Amino acid sequence: MGVQDIIEGKKQWRTHQARVRKLPRDYQIVYREIQKYYFKVGPVDLADGPLLPGIVDFFAEGAAGGKGVLELVGTDVAAFCDDLIKDSDTYADRYQATRNDKTDR
């Protein structure tokens, strides 16, 4: 990864965060909680993948349609998050696999 890649990545991240700040306040709060959750257990390709930008798109459409954020994600936000990444390789899965390998030895 070169310097240009790092600079481009930062530009993309700042643009992404600017889109989040344009959402209504309740959407921003839920988005930040989703983001925290994914940073802890999320998919391995989170930084390069379409998941977070896709959520912002989904939220922007919901806000434009006049829906509340909980109408979109439900009251169990963690279940919403888990459902989005159910078929993805996650850091939590990798950690569990290494724990199981150590236990088997």
C-alpha atoms as a PDB file:
ATOM      1  CA  MET A   1       0.000   0.000   0.000  1.00  0.00           C
ATOM      2  CA  GLY A   2       1.546   3.236  -1.140  1.00  0.00           C
ATOM      3  CA  VAL A   3       1.155   6.772   0.069  1.00  0.00           C
ATOM      4  CA  GLN A   4      -1.299   7.553  -2.723  1.00  0.00           C
ATOM      5  CA  ASP A   5      -3.498   4.635  -1.641  1.00  0.00           C
ATOM      6  CA  ILE A   6      -3.523   5.912   1.932  1.00  0.00           C
ATOM      7  CA  ILE A   7      -4.396   9.439   0.806  1.00  0.00           C
ATOM      8  CA  GLU A   8      -7.161   8.158  -1.461  1.00  0.00           C
ATOM      9  CA  GLY A   9      -8.523   5.966   1.340  1.00  0.00           C
ATOM     10  CA  LYS A  10      -8.655   8.945   3.690  1.00  0.00           C
ATOM     11  CA  LYS A  11     -10.474  11.029   1.081  1.00  0.00           C
ATOM     12  CA  GLN A  12     -13.037   8.286   0.585  1.00  0.00           C
ATOM     13  CA  TRP A  13     -13.515   7.907   4.347  1.00  0.00           C
ATOM     14  CA  ARG A  14     -14.002  11.662   4.817  1.00  0.00           C
ATOM     15  CA  THR A  15     -16.530  11.733   1.975  1.00  0.00           C
ATOM     16  CA  HIS A  16     -18.336   8.801   3.566  1.00  0.00           C
ATOM     17  CA  GLN A  17     -18.418  10.518   6.971  1.00  0.00           C
ATOM     18  CA  ALA A  18     -19.742  13.716   5.357  1.00  0.00           C
ATOM     19  CA  ARG A  19     -22.642  11.673   3.940  1.00  0.00           C
ATOM     20  CA  VAL A  20     -23.346  10.286   7.409  1.00  0.00           C
ATOM     21  CA  ARG A  21     -23.432  13.817   8.871  1.00  0.00           C
ATOM     22  CA  LYS A  22     -26.124  14.771   6.334  1.00  0.00           C
ATOM     23  CA  LEU A  23     -28.486  12.123   7.718  1.00  0.00           C
ATOM     24  CA  PRO A  24     -31.092  13.051  10.368  1.00  0.00           C
ATOM     25  CA  ARG A  25     -29.779  12.887  13.938  1.00  0.00           C
ATOM     26  CA  ASP A  26     -31.525   9.623  14.883  1.00  0.00           C
ATOM     27  CA  TYR A  27     -30.139   7.959  11.764  1.00  0.00           C
ATOM     28  CA  GLN A  28     -26.643   9.193  12.640  1.00  0.00           C
ATOM     29  CA  ILE A  29     -26.879   7.728  16.136  1.00  0.00           C
ATOM     30  CA  VAL A  30     -27.975   4.311  14.870  1.00  0.00           C
ATOM     31  CA  TYR A  31     -25.372   4.386  12.093  1.00  0.00           C
ATOM     32  CA  ARG A  32     -22.562   5.125  14.564  1.00  0.00           C
ATOM     33  CA  GLU A  33     -23.679   2.214  16.753  1.00  0.00           C
ATOM     34  CA  ILE A  34     -23.726  -0.082  13.703  1.00  0.00           C
ATOM     35  CA  GLN A  35     -20.271   1.167  12.747  1.00  0.00           C
ATOM     36  CA  LYS A  36     -18.913   0.495  16.250  1.00  0.00           C
ATOM     37  CA  TYR A  37     -20.427  -2.982  16.205  1.00  0.00           C
ATOM     38  CA  TYR A  38     -18.865  -3.807  12.851  1.00  0.00           C
ATOM     39  CA  PHE A  39     -15.483  -2.443  13.874  1.00  0.00           C
ATOM     40  CA  LYS A  40     -15.524  -4.921  16.776  1.00  0.00           C
ATOM     41  CA  VAL A  41     -16.851  -8.066  15.113  1.00  0.00           C
ATOM     42  CA  GLY A  42     -17.484  -7.116  11.532  1.00  0.00           C
ATOM     43  CA  PRO A  43     -16.513  -8.610   8.247  1.00  0.00           C
ATOM     44  CA  VAL A  44     -12.890  -8.870   7.234  1.00  0.00           C
ATOM     45  CA  ASP A  45     -13.489  -6.783   4.103  1.00  0.00           C
ATOM     46  CA  LEU A  46     -15.248  -3.958   5.977  1.00  0.00           C
ATOM     47  CA  ALA A  47     -12.771  -1.239   5.007  1.00  0.00           C
ATOM     48  CA  ASP A  48     -12.860  -2.024   1.286  1.00  0.00           C
ATOM     49  CA  GLY A  49     -16.342  -3.434   0.961  1.00  0.00           C
ATOM     50  CA  PRO A  50     -19.673  -1.874   0.123  1.00  0.00           C
ATOM     51  CA  LEU A  51     -21.345  -2.584   3.482  1.00  0.00           C
ATOM     52  CA  LEU A  52     -21.034   0.769   5.262  1.00  0.00           C
ATOM     53  CA  PRO A  53     -21.701   2.905   2.166  1.00  0.00           C
ATOM     54  CA  GLY A  54     -24.670   0.654   1.418  1.00  0.00           C
ATOM     55  CA  ILE A  55     -26.101   1.277   4.870  1.00  0.00           C
ATOM     56  CA  VAL A  56     -25.741   5.036   4.351  1.00  0.00           C
ATOM     57  CA  ASP A  57     -27.569   4.700   1.016  1.00  0.00           C
ATOM     58  CA  PHE A  58     -30.314   2.655   2.696  1.00  0.00           C
ATOM     59  CA  PHE A  59     -30.640   5.223   5.483  1.00  0.00           C
ATOM     60  CA  ALA A  60     -30.697   8.153   3.044  1.00  0.00           C
ATOM     61  CA  GLU A  61     -33.549   6.522   1.106  1.00  0.00           C
ATOM     62  CA  GLY A  62     -35.456   5.836   4.318  1.00  0.00           C
ATOM     63  CA  ALA A  63     -34.997   9.391   5.553  1.00  0.00           C
ATOM     64  CA  ALA A  64     -36.090  10.771   2.185  1.00  0.00           C
ATOM     65  CA  GLY A  65     -39.187   8.593   2.428  1.00  0.00           C
ATOM     66  CA  GLY A  66     -40.010   9.998   5.849  1.00  0.00           C
ATOM     67  CA  LYS A  67     -39.461   6.736   7.707  1.00  0.00           C
ATOM     68  CA  GLY A  68     -37.976   6.504  11.174  1.00  0.00           C
ATOM     69  CA  VAL A  69     -34.689   4.682  11.458  1.00  0.00           C
ATOM     70  CA  LEU A  70     -36.172   1.959  13.670  1.00  0.00           C
ATOM     71  CA  GLU A  71     -38.806   1.304  11.002  1.00  0.00           C
ATOM     72  CA  LEU A  72     -35.920   0.332   8.732  1.00  0.00           C
ATOM     73  CA  VAL A  73     -33.694  -1.667  11.082  1.00  0.00           C
ATOM     74  CA  GLY A  74     -36.146  -2.801  13.754  1.00  0.00           C
ATOM     75  CA  THR A  75     -35.681  -2.493  17.492  1.00  0.00           C
ATOM     76  CA  ASP A  76     -32.864  -5.066  17.634  1.00  0.00           C
ATOM     77  CA  VAL A  77     -30.075  -3.267  15.804  1.00  0.00           C
ATOM     78  CA  ALA A  78     -27.531  -6.013  16.553  1.00  0.00           C
ATOM     79  CA  ALA A  79     -29.783  -8.598  14.869  1.00  0.00           C
ATOM     80  CA  PHE A  80     -30.044  -6.279  11.855  1.00  0.00           C
ATOM     81  CA  CYS A  81     -26.241  -6.075  11.733  1.00  0.00           C
ATOM     82  CA  ASP A  82     -25.786  -9.823  12.125  1.00  0.00           C
ATOM     83  CA  ASP A  83     -28.272 -10.497   9.347  1.00  0.00           C
ATOM     84  CA  LEU A  84     -26.315  -8.276   6.953  1.00  0.00           C
ATOM     85  CA  ILE A  85     -23.068 -10.170   7.539  1.00  0.00           C
ATOM     86  CA  LYS A  86     -24.410 -13.681   8.117  1.00  0.00           C
ATOM     87  CA  ASP A  87     -22.577 -15.099   5.086  1.00  0.00           C
ATOM     88  CA  SER A  88     -19.398 -13.026   5.489  1.00  0.00           C
ATOM     89  CA  ASP A  89     -16.067 -14.010   6.959  1.00  0.00           C
ATOM     90  CA  THR A  90     -15.771 -12.006  10.185  1.00  0.00           C
ATOM     91  CA  TYR A  91     -12.970 -11.325  12.621  1.00  0.00           C
ATOM     92  CA  ALA A  92     -15.092 -12.955  15.313  1.00  0.00           C
ATOM     93  CA  ASP A  93     -15.274 -16.149  13.197  1.00  0.00           C
ATOM     94  CA  ARG A  94     -11.528 -16.129  12.647  1.00  0.00           C
ATOM     95  CA  TYR A  95     -10.875 -15.611  16.338  1.00  0.00           C
ATOM     96  CA  GLN A  96     -13.212 -18.453  17.246  1.00  0.00           C
ATOM     97  CA  ALA A  97     -11.495 -20.730  14.712  1.00  0.00           C
ATOM     98  CA  THR A  98      -8.059 -20.019  16.212  1.00  0.00           C
ATOM     99  CA  ARG A  99      -9.428 -20.674  19.702  1.00  0.00           C
ATOM    100  CA  ASN A 100     -10.868 -23.983  18.519  1.00  0.00           C
ATOM    101  CA  ASP A 101      -7.563 -24.936  16.852  1.00  0.00           C
ATOM    102  CA  LYS A 102      -5.681 -24.281  20.085  1.00  0.00           C
ATOM    103  CA  THR A 103      -8.204 -26.297  22.063  1.00  0.00           C
ATOM    104  CA  ASP A 104      -7.916 -29.249  19.669  1.00  0.00           C
ATOM    105  CA  ARG A 105      -4.160 -29.436  20.132  1.00  0.00           C
END
